[in-house]
């Protein structure tokens, strides 16, 4: 159905600290939005986070909070001043401080600008 096609083609990004929800579809990328809102693609949102604190949630039991220094088109990213959070099978959580880390974008499930995991 047409609805499935529309859902499949939409990209949704939200800006931390801003109540605006920006929705971009491939057919709107060059033509501008009919809502009058500025267009923002996912990699552009990540680019706006360079130099800022970022909470990165990976597949499995690992999360990282650090300052985003750079990334590529595959969302491989370099973080500095990093805290790594590991969750054990029993639910206990350990942390480790790291000076710098390179994360593989294939394992990233969610990015939260300015966020940090619940304590």
PDB file of N, CA and C in Angstrom:
ATOM      1  N   UNK A   1       0.819  -1.202   0.000  1.00  0.00           N
ATOM      2  CA  UNK A   1       0.000   0.000   0.000  1.00  0.00           C
ATOM      3  C   UNK A   1       0.857   1.258   0.000  1.00  0.00           C
ATOM      4  N   UNK A   2       0.239   2.362  -0.364  1.00  0.00           N
ATOM      5  CA  UNK A   2       0.944   3.633  -0.434  1.00  0.00           C
ATOM      6  C   UNK A   2       1.508   4.042   0.922  1.00  0.00           C
ATOM      7  N   UNK A   3       0.794   3.748   2.000  1.00  0.00           N
ATOM      8  CA  UNK A   3       1.249   4.098   3.342  1.00  0.00           C
ATOM      9  C   UNK A   3       2.577   3.430   3.657  1.00  0.00           C
ATOM     10  N   UNK A   4       2.726   2.139   3.309  1.00  0.00           N
ATOM     11  CA  UNK A   4       3.978   1.431   3.551  1.00  0.00           C
ATOM     12  C   UNK A   4       5.126   2.108   2.813  1.00  0.00           C
ATOM     13  N   UNK A   5       4.864   2.527   1.568  1.00  0.00           N
ATOM     14  CA  UNK A   5       5.888   3.187   0.772  1.00  0.00           C
ATOM     15  C   UNK A   5       6.324   4.490   1.441  1.00  0.00           C
ATOM     16  N   UNK A   6       5.382   5.266   1.939  1.00  0.00           N
ATOM     17  CA  UNK A   6       5.702   6.529   2.596  1.00  0.00           C
ATOM     18  C   UNK A   6       6.501   6.311   3.868  1.00  0.00           C
ATOM     19  N   UNK A   7       6.114   5.331   4.673  1.00  0.00           N
ATOM     20  CA  UNK A   7       6.831   5.053   5.914  1.00  0.00           C
ATOM     21  C   UNK A   7       8.249   4.586   5.644  1.00  0.00           C
ATOM     22  N   UNK A   8       8.419   3.756   4.620  1.00  0.00           N
ATOM     23  CA  UNK A   8       9.724   3.206   4.297  1.00  0.00           C
ATOM     24  C   UNK A   8      10.681   4.305   3.834  1.00  0.00           C
ATOM     25  N   UNK A   9      10.174   5.330   3.188  1.00  0.00           N
ATOM     26  CA  UNK A   9      11.020   6.371   2.620  1.00  0.00           C
ATOM     27  C   UNK A   9      11.293   7.535   3.557  1.00  0.00           C
ATOM     28  N   UNK A  10      10.715   7.529   4.743  1.00  0.00           N
ATOM     29  CA  UNK A  10      10.899   8.669   5.641  1.00  0.00           C
ATOM     30  C   UNK A  10      12.123   8.486   6.530  1.00  0.00           C
ATOM     31  N   UNK A  11      12.779   9.601   6.779  1.00  0.00           N
ATOM     32  CA  UNK A  11      13.869   9.669   7.749  1.00  0.00           C
ATOM     33  C   UNK A  11      13.403  10.628   8.824  1.00  0.00           C
ATOM     34  N   UNK A  12      13.575  10.264  10.081  1.00  0.00           N
ATOM     35  CA  UNK A  12      13.131  11.139  11.150  1.00  0.00           C
ATOM     36  C   UNK A  12      14.315  11.435  12.055  1.00  0.00           C
ATOM     37  N   UNK A  13      14.490  12.680  12.366  1.00  0.00           N
ATOM     38  CA  UNK A  13      15.566  13.093  13.269  1.00  0.00           C
ATOM     39  C   UNK A  13      15.013  14.131  14.225  1.00  0.00           C
ATOM     40  N   UNK A  14      15.447  14.085  15.449  1.00  0.00           N
ATOM     41  CA  UNK A  14      15.030  15.134  16.387  1.00  0.00           C
ATOM     42  C   UNK A  14      16.265  15.830  16.912  1.00  0.00           C
ATOM     43  N   UNK A  15      16.121  17.077  17.225  1.00  0.00           N
ATOM     44  CA  UNK A  15      17.224  17.874  17.724  1.00  0.00           C
ATOM     45  C   UNK A  15      17.101  17.977  19.234  1.00  0.00           C
ATOM     46  N   UNK A  16      18.168  17.620  19.947  1.00  0.00           N
ATOM     47  CA  UNK A  16      18.157  17.680  21.397  1.00  0.00           C
ATOM     48  C   UNK A  16      17.900  19.109  21.857  1.00  0.00           C
ATOM     49  N   UNK A  17      16.991  19.254  22.810  1.00  0.00           N
ATOM     50  CA  UNK A  17      16.700  20.563  23.356  1.00  0.00           C
ATOM     51  C   UNK A  17      15.763  21.389  22.500  1.00  0.00           C
ATOM     52  N   UNK A  18      15.270  20.829  21.427  1.00  0.00           N
ATOM     53  CA  UNK A  18      14.375  21.559  20.542  1.00  0.00           C
ATOM     54  C   UNK A  18      13.129  20.709  20.348  1.00  0.00           C
ATOM     55  N   UNK A  19      11.972  21.314  20.473  1.00  0.00           N
ATOM     56  CA  UNK A  19      10.739  20.547  20.371  1.00  0.00           C
ATOM     57  C   UNK A  19      10.348  20.274  18.930  1.00  0.00           C
ATOM     58  N   UNK A  20      11.095  20.840  17.964  1.00  0.00           N
ATOM     59  CA  UNK A  20      10.779  20.626  16.559  1.00  0.00           C
ATOM     60  C   UNK A  20      11.134  19.206  16.143  1.00  0.00           C
ATOM     61  N   UNK A  21      10.277  18.573  15.402  1.00  0.00           N
ATOM     62  CA  UNK A  21      10.565  17.267  14.816  1.00  0.00           C
ATOM     63  C   UNK A  21      10.679  17.481  13.329  1.00  0.00           C
ATOM     64  N   UNK A  22      11.830  17.141  12.764  1.00  0.00           N
ATOM     65  CA  UNK A  22      12.058  17.363  11.355  1.00  0.00           C
ATOM     66  C   UNK A  22      11.913  16.045  10.621  1.00  0.00           C
ATOM     67  N   UNK A  23      11.105  16.023   9.582  1.00  0.00           N
ATOM     68  CA  UNK A  23      10.895  14.823   8.799  1.00  0.00           C
ATOM     69  C   UNK A  23      11.369  15.103   7.391  1.00  0.00           C
ATOM     70  N   UNK A  24      12.277  14.270   6.896  1.00  0.00           N
ATOM     71  CA  UNK A  24      12.806  14.436   5.548  1.00  0.00           C
ATOM     72  C   UNK A  24      12.506  13.193   4.739  1.00  0.00           C
ATOM     73  N   UNK A  25      12.002  13.378   3.549  1.00  0.00           N
ATOM     74  CA  UNK A  25      11.809  12.261   2.639  1.00  0.00           C
ATOM     75  C   UNK A  25      12.716  12.495   1.440  1.00  0.00           C
ATOM     76  N   UNK A  26      13.145  11.433   0.755  1.00  0.00           N
ATOM     77  CA  UNK A  26      14.062  11.602  -0.372  1.00  0.00           C
ATOM     78  C   UNK A  26      13.538  12.569  -1.430  1.00  0.00           C
ATOM     79  N   UNK A  27      12.240  12.563  -1.691  1.00  0.00           N
ATOM     80  CA  UNK A  27      11.701  13.441  -2.720  1.00  0.00           C
ATOM     81  C   UNK A  27      11.656  14.900  -2.271  1.00  0.00           C
ATOM     82  N   UNK A  28      11.843  15.176  -0.972  1.00  0.00           N
ATOM     83  CA  UNK A  28      11.827  16.537  -0.462  1.00  0.00           C
ATOM     84  C   UNK A  28      13.233  17.094  -0.292  1.00  0.00           C
ATOM     85  N   UNK A  29      14.248  16.269  -0.474  1.00  0.00           N
ATOM     86  CA  UNK A  29      15.611  16.682  -0.159  1.00  0.00           C
ATOM     87  C   UNK A  29      16.038  17.933  -0.917  1.00  0.00           C
ATOM     88  N   UNK A  30      15.700  18.062  -2.191  1.00  0.00           N
ATOM     89  CA  UNK A  30      16.121  19.207  -2.978  1.00  0.00           C
ATOM     90  C   UNK A  30      15.034  20.252  -3.141  1.00  0.00           C
ATOM     91  N   UNK A  31      13.794  19.871  -2.955  1.00  0.00           N
ATOM     92  CA  UNK A  31      12.706  20.772  -3.289  1.00  0.00           C
ATOM     93  C   UNK A  31      12.284  21.668  -2.132  1.00  0.00           C
ATOM     94  N   UNK A  32      12.736  21.398  -0.922  1.00  0.00           N
ATOM     95  CA  UNK A  32      12.296  22.180   0.233  1.00  0.00           C
ATOM     96  C   UNK A  32      11.035  21.576   0.801  1.00  0.00           C
ATOM     97  N   UNK A  33      10.734  21.917   2.015  1.00  0.00           N
ATOM     98  CA  UNK A  33       9.609  21.320   2.720  1.00  0.00           C
ATOM     99  C   UNK A  33       8.340  22.105   2.497  1.00  0.00           C
ATOM    100  N   UNK A  34       7.232  21.404   2.391  1.00  0.00           N
ATOM    101  CA  UNK A  34       5.936  22.077   2.282  1.00  0.00           C
ATOM    102  C   UNK A  34       5.500  22.641   3.628  1.00  0.00           C
ATOM    103  N   UNK A  35       6.165  22.221   4.723  1.00  0.00           N
ATOM    104  CA  UNK A  35       5.812  22.728   6.052  1.00  0.00           C
ATOM    105  C   UNK A  35       6.541  24.020   6.377  1.00  0.00           C
ATOM    106  N   UNK A  36       7.542  24.377   5.587  1.00  0.00           N
ATOM    107  CA  UNK A  36       8.324  25.571   5.863  1.00  0.00           C
ATOM    108  C   UNK A  36       9.453  25.332   6.854  1.00  0.00           C
ATOM    109  N   UNK A  37       9.570  24.120   7.401  1.00  0.00           N
ATOM    110  CA  UNK A  37      10.649  23.799   8.334  1.00  0.00           C
ATOM    111  C   UNK A  37      11.921  23.508   7.547  1.00  0.00           C
ATOM    112  N   UNK A  38      13.084  23.813   8.112  1.00  0.00           N
ATOM    113  CA  UNK A  38      14.335  23.492   7.425  1.00  0.00           C
ATOM    114  C   UNK A  38      14.516  21.975   7.341  1.00  0.00           C
ATOM    115  N   UNK A  39      15.182  21.534   6.284  1.00  0.00           N
ATOM    116  CA  UNK A  39      15.427  20.108   6.096  1.00  0.00           C
ATOM    117  C   UNK A  39      16.722  19.722   6.792  1.00  0.00           C
ATOM    118  N   UNK A  40      16.748  18.573   7.437  1.00  0.00           N
ATOM    119  CA  UNK A  40      17.925  18.086   8.136  1.00  0.00           C
ATOM    120  C   UNK A  40      17.997  16.579   7.952  1.00  0.00           C
ATOM    121  N   UNK A  41      19.043  16.105   7.276  1.00  0.00           N
ATOM    122  CA  UNK A  41      19.231  14.678   7.062  1.00  0.00           C
ATOM    123  C   UNK A  41      20.006  14.090   8.237  1.00  0.00           C
ATOM    124  N   UNK A  42      19.929  12.768   8.441  1.00  0.00           N
ATOM    125  CA  UNK A  42      20.559  12.146   9.611  1.00  0.00           C
ATOM    126  C   UNK A  42      22.047  12.468   9.783  1.00  0.00           C
ATOM    127  N   UNK A  43      22.847  12.395   8.720  1.00  0.00           N
ATOM    128  CA  UNK A  43      24.277  12.685   8.867  1.00  0.00           C
ATOM    129  C   UNK A  43      24.517  14.158   9.166  1.00  0.00           C
ATOM    130  N   UNK A  44      23.625  15.036   8.713  1.00  0.00           N
ATOM    131  CA  UNK A  44      23.748  16.454   9.056  1.00  0.00           C
ATOM    132  C   UNK A  44      23.511  16.654  10.555  1.00  0.00           C
ATOM    133  N   UNK A  45      22.579  15.907  11.111  1.00  0.00           N
ATOM    134  CA  UNK A  45      22.319  15.990  12.544  1.00  0.00           C
ATOM    135  C   UNK A  45      23.541  15.535  13.335  1.00  0.00           C
ATOM    136  N   UNK A  46      24.160  14.431  12.914  1.00  0.00           N
ATOM    137  CA  UNK A  46      25.369  13.949  13.587  1.00  0.00           C
ATOM    138  C   UNK A  46      26.475  14.992  13.457  1.00  0.00           C
ATOM    139  N   UNK A  47      26.590  15.610  12.284  1.00  0.00           N
ATOM    140  CA  UNK A  47      27.600  16.636  12.066  1.00  0.00           C
ATOM    141  C   UNK A  47      27.446  17.817  13.008  1.00  0.00           C
ATOM    142  N   UNK A  48      26.210  18.170  13.355  1.00  0.00           N
ATOM    143  CA  UNK A  48      25.965  19.276  14.289  1.00  0.00           C
ATOM    144  C   UNK A  48      26.427  18.928  15.703  1.00  0.00           C
ATOM    145  N   UNK A  49      26.681  17.646  15.970  1.00  0.00           N
ATOM    146  CA  UNK A  49      27.093  17.210  17.307  1.00  0.00           C
ATOM    147  C   UNK A  49      28.601  17.197  17.496  1.00  0.00           C
ATOM    148  N   UNK A  50      29.378  17.480  16.458  1.00  0.00           N
ATOM    149  CA  UNK A  50      30.842  17.483  16.597  1.00  0.00           C
ATOM    150  C   UNK A  50      31.239  18.518  17.644  1.00  0.00           C
ATOM    151  N   UNK A  51      32.064  18.081  18.582  1.00  0.00           N
ATOM    152  CA  UNK A  51      32.505  18.938  19.673  1.00  0.00           C
ATOM    153  C   UNK A  51      31.573  18.916  20.870  1.00  0.00           C
ATOM    154  N   UNK A  52      30.474  18.172  20.769  1.00  0.00           N
ATOM    155  CA  UNK A  52      29.487  18.098  21.851  1.00  0.00           C
ATOM    156  C   UNK A  52      29.467  16.712  22.483  1.00  0.00           C
ATOM    157  N   UNK A  53      28.894  16.664  23.672  1.00  0.00           N
ATOM    158  CA  UNK A  53      28.705  15.396  24.384  1.00  0.00           C
ATOM    159  C   UNK A  53      27.669  14.559  23.645  1.00  0.00           C
ATOM    160  N   UNK A  54      27.946  13.258  23.515  1.00  0.00           N
ATOM    161  CA  UNK A  54      27.073  12.348  22.781  1.00  0.00           C
ATOM    162  C   UNK A  54      26.987  11.025  23.533  1.00  0.00           C
ATOM    163  N   UNK A  55      25.774  10.513  23.669  1.00  0.00           N
ATOM    164  CA  UNK A  55      25.550   9.190  24.265  1.00  0.00           C
ATOM    165  C   UNK A  55      25.332   8.236  23.115  1.00  0.00           C
ATOM    166  N   UNK A  56      26.182   7.210  23.013  1.00  0.00           N
ATOM    167  CA  UNK A  56      26.127   6.231  21.926  1.00  0.00           C
ATOM    168  C   UNK A  56      25.738   4.887  22.510  1.00  0.00           C
ATOM    169  N   UNK A  57      24.659   4.323  22.001  1.00  0.00           N
ATOM    170  CA  UNK A  57      24.200   3.003  22.451  1.00  0.00           C
ATOM    171  C   UNK A  57      24.509   2.009  21.342  1.00  0.00           C
ATOM    172  N   UNK A  58      25.252   0.968  21.702  1.00  0.00           N
ATOM    173  CA  UNK A  58      25.625  -0.073  20.743  1.00  0.00           C
ATOM    174  C   UNK A  58      24.739  -1.297  20.917  1.00  0.00           C
ATOM    175  N   UNK A  59      24.760  -2.148  19.902  1.00  0.00           N
ATOM    176  CA  UNK A  59      24.085  -3.447  20.040  1.00  0.00           C
ATOM    177  C   UNK A  59      24.723  -4.191  21.194  1.00  0.00           C
ATOM    178  N   UNK A  60      23.933  -4.907  21.943  1.00  0.00           N
ATOM    179  CA  UNK A  60      24.469  -5.674  23.062  1.00  0.00           C
ATOM    180  C   UNK A  60      24.384  -4.899  24.356  1.00  0.00           C
ATOM    181  N   UNK A  61      25.454  -4.948  25.110  1.00  0.00           N
ATOM    182  CA  UNK A  61      25.421  -4.421  26.482  1.00  0.00           C
ATOM    183  C   UNK A  61      26.390  -3.270  26.716  1.00  0.00           C
ATOM    184  N   UNK A  62      26.727  -2.517  25.667  1.00  0.00           N
ATOM    185  CA  UNK A  62      27.721  -1.449  25.817  1.00  0.00           C
ATOM    186  C   UNK A  62      27.149  -0.100  25.390  1.00  0.00           C
ATOM    187  N   UNK A  63      27.517   0.930  26.164  1.00  0.00           N
ATOM    188  CA  UNK A  63      27.124   2.303  25.876  1.00  0.00           C
ATOM    189  C   UNK A  63      28.333   3.183  26.139  1.00  0.00           C
ATOM    190  N   UNK A  64      28.419   4.287  25.417  1.00  0.00           N
ATOM    191  CA  UNK A  64      29.537   5.219  25.569  1.00  0.00           C
ATOM    192  C   UNK A  64      28.994   6.636  25.650  1.00  0.00           C
ATOM    193  N   UNK A  65      29.625   7.451  26.497  1.00  0.00           N
ATOM    194  CA  UNK A  65      29.340   8.881  26.556  1.00  0.00           C
ATOM    195  C   UNK A  65      30.673   9.589  26.395  1.00  0.00           C
ATOM    196  N   UNK A  66      30.754  10.482  25.407  1.00  0.00           N
ATOM    197  CA  UNK A  66      31.988  11.209  25.187  1.00  0.00           C
ATOM    198  C   UNK A  66      31.762  12.372  24.244  1.00  0.00           C
ATOM    199  N   UNK A  67      32.836  13.072  23.946  1.00  0.00           N
ATOM    200  CA  UNK A  67      32.783  14.215  23.035  1.00  0.00           C
ATOM    201  C   UNK A  67      33.074  13.723  21.626  1.00  0.00           C
ATOM    202  N   UNK A  68      32.155  13.987  20.704  1.00  0.00           N
ATOM    203  CA  UNK A  68      32.313  13.557  19.317  1.00  0.00           C
ATOM    204  C   UNK A  68      33.361  14.415  18.633  1.00  0.00           C
ATOM    205  N   UNK A  69      34.408  13.779  18.131  1.00  0.00           N
ATOM    206  CA  UNK A  69      35.481  14.490  17.430  1.00  0.00           C
ATOM    207  C   UNK A  69      35.345  14.376  15.919  1.00  0.00           C
ATOM    208  N   UNK A  70      34.757  13.297  15.423  1.00  0.00           N
ATOM    209  CA  UNK A  70      34.587  13.132  13.988  1.00  0.00           C
ATOM    210  C   UNK A  70      33.856  11.847  13.671  1.00  0.00           C
ATOM    211  N   UNK A  71      33.378  11.749  12.408  1.00  0.00           N
ATOM    212  CA  UNK A  71      32.665  10.562  11.951  1.00  0.00           C
ATOM    213  C   UNK A  71      32.757  10.505  10.433  1.00  0.00           C
ATOM    214  N   UNK A  72      32.382   9.359   9.871  1.00  0.00           N
ATOM    215  CA  UNK A  72      32.364   9.228   8.413  1.00  0.00           C
ATOM    216  C   UNK A  72      30.972   8.830   7.945  1.00  0.00           C
ATOM    217  N   UNK A  73      30.841   8.546   6.651  1.00  0.00           N
ATOM    218  CA  UNK A  73      29.540   8.212   6.072  1.00  0.00           C
ATOM    219  C   UNK A  73      28.956   6.913   6.617  1.00  0.00           C
ATOM    220  N   UNK A  74      29.782   6.081   7.225  1.00  0.00           N
ATOM    221  CA  UNK A  74      29.312   4.823   7.808  1.00  0.00           C
ATOM    222  C   UNK A  74      29.015   4.974   9.296  1.00  0.00           C
ATOM    223  N   UNK A  75      29.102   6.170   9.808  1.00  0.00           N
ATOM    224  CA  UNK A  75      28.901   6.541  11.204  1.00  0.00           C
ATOM    225  C   UNK A  75      29.927   5.864  12.120  1.00  0.00           C
ATOM    226  N   UNK A  76      31.105   5.508  11.553  1.00  0.00           N
ATOM    227  CA  UNK A  76      32.246   5.191  12.409  1.00  0.00           C
ATOM    228  C   UNK A  76      32.578   6.510  13.072  1.00  0.00           C
ATOM    229  N   UNK A  77      32.850   6.502  14.367  1.00  0.00           N
ATOM    230  CA  UNK A  77      33.071   7.780  15.034  1.00  0.00           C
ATOM    231  C   UNK A  77      34.203   7.719  16.043  1.00  0.00           C
ATOM    232  N   UNK A  78      34.828   8.877  16.243  1.00  0.00           N
ATOM    233  CA  UNK A  78      35.885   9.042  17.236  1.00  0.00           C
ATOM    234  C   UNK A  78      35.303   9.869  18.374  1.00  0.00           C
ATOM    235  N   UNK A  79      35.420   9.332  19.590  1.00  0.00           N
ATOM    236  CA  UNK A  79      34.987  10.030  20.803  1.00  0.00           C
ATOM    237  C   UNK A  79      36.196  10.258  21.698  1.00  0.00           C
ATOM    238  N   UNK A  80      36.205  11.394  22.417  1.00  0.00           N
ATOM    239  CA  UNK A  80      37.242  11.687  23.404  1.00  0.00           C
ATOM    240  C   UNK A  80      36.609  11.876  24.770  1.00  0.00           C
ATOM    241  N   UNK A  81      37.438  11.732  25.816  1.00  0.00           N
ATOM    242  CA  UNK A  81      36.969  11.853  27.206  1.00  0.00           C
ATOM    243  C   UNK A  81      35.742  10.969  27.413  1.00  0.00           C
ATOM    244  N   UNK A  82      35.937   9.682  27.204  1.00  0.00           N
ATOM    245  CA  UNK A  82      34.856   8.713  27.106  1.00  0.00           C
ATOM    246  C   UNK A  82      34.625   7.961  28.411  1.00  0.00           C
ATOM    247  N   UNK A  83      33.364   7.735  28.722  1.00  0.00           N
ATOM    248  CA  UNK A  83      32.981   6.802  29.774  1.00  0.00           C
ATOM    249  C   UNK A  83      32.265   5.646  29.090  1.00  0.00           C
ATOM    250  N   UNK A  84      32.776   4.437  29.298  1.00  0.00           N
ATOM    251  CA  UNK A  84      32.153   3.237  28.752  1.00  0.00           C
ATOM    252  C   UNK A  84      31.314   2.590  29.842  1.00  0.00           C
ATOM    253  N   UNK A  85      30.084   2.239  29.508  1.00  0.00           N
ATOM    254  CA  UNK A  85      29.176   1.564  30.440  1.00  0.00           C
ATOM    255  C   UNK A  85      28.929   0.163  29.903  1.00  0.00           C
ATOM    256  N   UNK A  86      29.205  -0.841  30.752  1.00  0.00           N
ATOM    257  CA  UNK A  86      28.938  -2.240  30.392  1.00  0.00           C
ATOM    258  C   UNK A  86      27.905  -2.786  31.359  1.00  0.00           C
ATOM    259  N   UNK A  87      26.916  -3.486  30.824  1.00  0.00           N
ATOM    260  CA  UNK A  87      25.896  -4.110  31.655  1.00  0.00           C
ATOM    261  C   UNK A  87      26.108  -5.613  31.645  1.00  0.00           C
ATOM    262  N   UNK A  88      26.272  -6.198  32.825  1.00  0.00           N
ATOM    263  CA  UNK A  88      26.479  -7.644  32.972  1.00  0.00           C
ATOM    264  C   UNK A  88      25.137  -8.364  32.887  1.00  0.00           C
ATOM    265  N   UNK A  89      25.161  -9.674  32.634  1.00  0.00           N
ATOM    266  CA  UNK A  89      23.914 -10.447  32.562  1.00  0.00           C
ATOM    267  C   UNK A  89      23.054 -10.354  33.827  1.00  0.00           C
ATOM    268  N   UNK A  90      23.706 -10.131  34.986  1.00  0.00           N
ATOM    269  CA  UNK A  90      22.927 -10.030  36.226  1.00  0.00           C
ATOM    270  C   UNK A  90      22.323  -8.627  36.425  1.00  0.00           C
ATOM    271  N   UNK A  91      22.584  -7.708  35.460  1.00  0.00           N
ATOM    272  CA  UNK A  91      22.021  -6.367  35.537  1.00  0.00           C
ATOM    273  C   UNK A  91      22.943  -5.340  36.158  1.00  0.00           C
ATOM    274  N   UNK A  92      24.073  -5.793  36.713  1.00  0.00           N
ATOM    275  CA  UNK A  92      25.012  -4.838  37.313  1.00  0.00           C
ATOM    276  C   UNK A  92      25.722  -4.064  36.204  1.00  0.00           C
ATOM    277  N   UNK A  93      26.128  -2.857  36.539  1.00  0.00           N
ATOM    278  CA  UNK A  93      26.741  -1.993  35.544  1.00  0.00           C
ATOM    279  C   UNK A  93      28.130  -1.569  36.013  1.00  0.00           C
ATOM    280  N   UNK A  94      29.112  -1.641  35.090  1.00  0.00           N
ATOM    281  CA  UNK A  94      30.468  -1.182  35.377  1.00  0.00           C
ATOM    282  C   UNK A  94      30.811  -0.040  34.420  1.00  0.00           C
ATOM    283  N   UNK A  95      31.725   0.816  34.857  1.00  0.00           N
ATOM    284  CA  UNK A  95      32.158   1.919  34.005  1.00  0.00           C
ATOM    285  C   UNK A  95      33.671   1.896  33.877  1.00  0.00           C
ATOM    286  N   UNK A  96      34.142   2.450  32.774  1.00  0.00           N
ATOM    287  CA  UNK A  96      35.577   2.568  32.532  1.00  0.00           C
ATOM    288  C   UNK A  96      35.820   3.893  31.819  1.00  0.00           C
ATOM    289  N   UNK A  97      36.841   4.621  32.252  1.00  0.00           N
ATOM    290  CA  UNK A  97      37.203   5.888  31.624  1.00  0.00           C
ATOM    291  C   UNK A  97      38.231   5.621  30.528  1.00  0.00           C
ATOM    292  N   UNK A  98      38.032   6.219  29.358  1.00  0.00           N
ATOM    293  CA  UNK A  98      38.942   6.074  28.231  1.00  0.00           C
ATOM    294  C   UNK A  98      39.268   7.456  27.689  1.00  0.00           C
ATOM    295  N   UNK A  99      40.508   7.637  27.248  1.00  0.00           N
ATOM    296  CA  UNK A  99      40.910   8.925  26.698  1.00  0.00           C
ATOM    297  C   UNK A  99      40.281   9.142  25.321  1.00  0.00           C
ATOM    298  N   UNK A 100      40.331   8.108  24.477  1.00  0.00           N
ATOM    299  CA  UNK A 100      39.814   8.215  23.121  1.00  0.00           C
ATOM    300  C   UNK A 100      39.415   6.836  22.622  1.00  0.00           C
ATOM    301  N   UNK A 101      38.405   6.791  21.737  1.00  0.00           N
ATOM    302  CA  UNK A 101      37.959   5.514  21.195  1.00  0.00           C
ATOM    303  C   UNK A 101      37.413   5.709  19.783  1.00  0.00           C
ATOM    304  N   UNK A 102      37.592   4.685  18.947  1.00  0.00           N
ATOM    305  CA  UNK A 102      37.012   4.643  17.608  1.00  0.00           C
ATOM    306  C   UNK A 102      35.914   3.592  17.629  1.00  0.00           C
ATOM    307  N   UNK A 103      34.673   3.996  17.354  1.00  0.00           N
ATOM    308  CA  UNK A 103      33.539   3.071  17.357  1.00  0.00           C
ATOM    309  C   UNK A 103      33.162   2.690  15.936  1.00  0.00           C
ATOM    310  N   UNK A 104      32.857   1.424  15.737  1.00  0.00           N
ATOM    311  CA  UNK A 104      32.399   0.925  14.440  1.00  0.00           C
ATOM    312  C   UNK A 104      30.922   1.270  14.270  1.00  0.00           C
ATOM    313  N   UNK A 105      30.591   1.990  13.223  1.00  0.00           N
ATOM    314  CA  UNK A 105      29.221   2.422  12.978  1.00  0.00           C
ATOM    315  C   UNK A 105      28.239   1.287  12.780  1.00  0.00           C
ATOM    316  N   UNK A 106      28.716   0.092  12.386  1.00  0.00           N
ATOM    317  CA  UNK A 106      27.822  -1.053  12.199  1.00  0.00           C
ATOM    318  C   UNK A 106      27.148  -1.491  13.496  1.00  0.00           C
ATOM    319  N   UNK A 107      27.743  -1.128  14.625  1.00  0.00           N
ATOM    320  CA  UNK A 107      27.224  -1.575  15.918  1.00  0.00           C
ATOM    321  C   UNK A 107      26.377  -0.518  16.626  1.00  0.00           C
ATOM    322  N   UNK A 108      26.310   0.681  16.056  1.00  0.00           N
ATOM    323  CA  UNK A 108      25.562   1.776  16.676  1.00  0.00           C
ATOM    324  C   UNK A 108      24.070   1.572  16.456  1.00  0.00           C
ATOM    325  N   UNK A 109      23.298   1.617  17.544  1.00  0.00           N
ATOM    326  CA  UNK A 109      21.844   1.505  17.419  1.00  0.00           C
ATOM    327  C   UNK A 109      21.141   2.830  17.679  1.00  0.00           C
ATOM    328  N   UNK A 110      21.743   3.695  18.510  1.00  0.00           N
ATOM    329  CA  UNK A 110      21.111   4.977  18.794  1.00  0.00           C
ATOM    330  C   UNK A 110      22.148   5.985  19.244  1.00  0.00           C
ATOM    331  N   UNK A 111      21.942   7.250  18.833  1.00  0.00           N
ATOM    332  CA  UNK A 111      22.770   8.370  19.251  1.00  0.00           C
ATOM    333  C   UNK A 111      21.859   9.359  19.978  1.00  0.00           C
ATOM    334  N   UNK A 112      22.301   9.819  21.145  1.00  0.00           N
ATOM    335  CA  UNK A 112      21.527  10.783  21.907  1.00  0.00           C
ATOM    336  C   UNK A 112      22.402  12.007  22.159  1.00  0.00           C
ATOM    337  N   UNK A 113      22.188  13.102  21.409  1.00  0.00           N
ATOM    338  CA  UNK A 113      22.988  14.312  21.637  1.00  0.00           C
ATOM    339  C   UNK A 113      22.782  14.854  23.038  1.00  0.00           C
ATOM    340  N   UNK A 114      23.886  15.116  23.737  1.00  0.00           N
ATOM    341  CA  UNK A 114      23.829  15.707  25.065  1.00  0.00           C
ATOM    342  C   UNK A 114      23.314  14.788  26.161  1.00  0.00           C
ATOM    343  N   UNK A 115      23.021  13.545  25.816  1.00  0.00           N
ATOM    344  CA  UNK A 115      22.425  12.627  26.796  1.00  0.00           C
ATOM    345  C   UNK A 115      23.442  11.823  27.556  1.00  0.00           C
ATOM    346  N   UNK A 116      22.949  11.117  28.539  1.00  0.00           N
ATOM    347  CA  UNK A 116      23.774  10.158  29.291  1.00  0.00           C
ATOM    348  C   UNK A 116      22.853   9.066  29.816  1.00  0.00           C
ATOM    349  N   UNK A 117      23.414   7.876  30.038  1.00  0.00           N
ATOM    350  CA  UNK A 117      22.578   6.759  30.479  1.00  0.00           C
ATOM    351  C   UNK A 117      22.032   6.969  31.877  1.00  0.00           C
ATOM    352  N   UNK A 118      20.915   6.337  32.184  1.00  0.00           N
ATOM    353  CA  UNK A 118      20.372   6.429  33.542  1.00  0.00           C
ATOM    354  C   UNK A 118      21.334   5.798  34.529  1.00  0.00           C
ATOM    355  N   UNK A 119      21.418   6.369  35.700  1.00  0.00           N
ATOM    356  CA  UNK A 119      22.360   5.874  36.711  1.00  0.00           C
ATOM    357  C   UNK A 119      21.835   4.692  37.466  1.00  0.00           C
TER     358      UNK A 119
END
